[in-house]
Amino acid sequence: MQEKPVVESNGIESSCQRFSVHRITPYEWSNPHPCKSDPDELETDFTASNALWFGIGSFLCQGSDILPK
């Protein structure tokens, strides 16, 4: 039985947790049409791939275009 490297599994787990918390918090969602005061839908730019890249990029000291609020 082979074990995964600890760094890899921790990075994936933290990315999943970061993505889950991002989806739960109301502060990450924005109104796509600012003229409507009560929109039918809200949108967000932070995706699962962004969460993964945010973790990898911070480990490798790289930049990121989209940051959590």
Protein backbone atom coordinates (compact mmCIF):
# COMPACT_ATOMS: atom_id res chain seq x y z
CA MET A 1 0.00 0.00 0.00
CA GLN A 2 1.46 3.35 -1.03
CA GLU A 3 0.80 6.45 0.98
CA LYS A 4 0.26 9.89 -0.54
CA PRO A 5 2.76 12.56 0.36
CA VAL A 6 1.53 14.55 3.32
CA VAL A 7 2.06 17.90 1.58
CA GLU A 8 -0.10 16.88 -1.40
CA SER A 9 -3.01 15.60 0.68
CA ASN A 10 -2.90 18.62 3.02
CA GLY A 11 -2.92 20.98 0.05
CA ILE A 12 -5.94 19.31 -1.50
CA GLU A 13 -7.79 19.16 1.83
CA SER A 14 -7.14 22.83 2.60
CA SER A 15 -8.26 23.80 -0.92
CA CYS A 16 -11.52 21.88 -0.46
CA GLN A 17 -12.09 23.52 2.93
CA ARG A 18 -11.31 26.96 1.52
CA PHE A 19 -13.77 26.40 -1.35
CA SER A 20 -16.48 25.16 1.05
CA VAL A 21 -16.11 28.14 3.37
CA HIS A 22 -16.14 30.46 0.37
CA ARG A 23 -19.47 29.02 -0.81
CA ILE A 24 -21.05 29.37 2.64
CA THR A 25 -20.07 32.95 3.45
CA PRO A 26 -22.38 35.68 2.13
CA TYR A 27 -19.51 38.17 1.71
CA GLU A 28 -18.09 36.45 -1.39
CA TRP A 29 -21.25 36.76 -3.50
CA SER A 30 -21.91 39.90 -5.52
CA ASN A 31 -24.80 41.35 -7.47
CA PRO A 32 -24.18 40.92 -11.24
CA HIS A 33 -26.59 43.78 -12.01
CA PRO A 34 -25.94 46.67 -9.58
CA CYS A 35 -28.99 48.57 -10.81
CA LYS A 36 -31.33 45.90 -9.40
CA SER A 37 -31.65 46.21 -5.64
CA ASP A 38 -33.12 42.70 -5.24
CA PRO A 39 -31.42 40.39 -7.78
CA ASP A 40 -32.71 36.93 -8.66
CA GLU A 41 -29.19 35.47 -8.73
CA LEU A 42 -25.83 36.30 -7.21
CA GLU A 43 -22.46 35.40 -8.72
CA THR A 44 -18.94 34.72 -7.57
CA ASP A 45 -15.56 34.58 -9.30
CA PHE A 46 -13.84 32.19 -6.89
CA THR A 47 -14.01 28.62 -8.26
CA ALA A 48 -12.60 25.27 -7.10
CA SER A 49 -9.63 25.65 -9.44
CA ASN A 50 -8.97 29.11 -7.98
CA ALA A 51 -8.99 27.60 -4.47
CA LEU A 52 -6.49 24.96 -5.55
CA TRP A 53 -4.26 27.51 -7.29
CA PHE A 54 -4.45 29.85 -4.27
CA GLY A 55 -3.03 27.06 -2.06
CA ILE A 56 -0.35 26.01 -4.56
CA GLY A 57 0.55 29.60 -5.38
CA SER A 58 0.98 30.56 -1.74
CA PHE A 59 3.19 27.50 -1.19
CA LEU A 60 5.33 28.40 -4.22
CA CYS A 61 5.23 32.19 -3.53
CA GLN A 62 3.35 32.89 -6.79
CA GLY A 63 0.74 35.55 -7.40
CA SER A 64 -2.99 35.12 -7.82
CA ASP A 65 -5.50 37.11 -9.87
CA ILE A 66 -8.58 36.41 -7.76
CA LEU A 67 -8.33 36.57 -3.97
CA PRO A 68 -10.96 35.73 -1.36
CA LYS A 69 -12.56 38.84 0.17
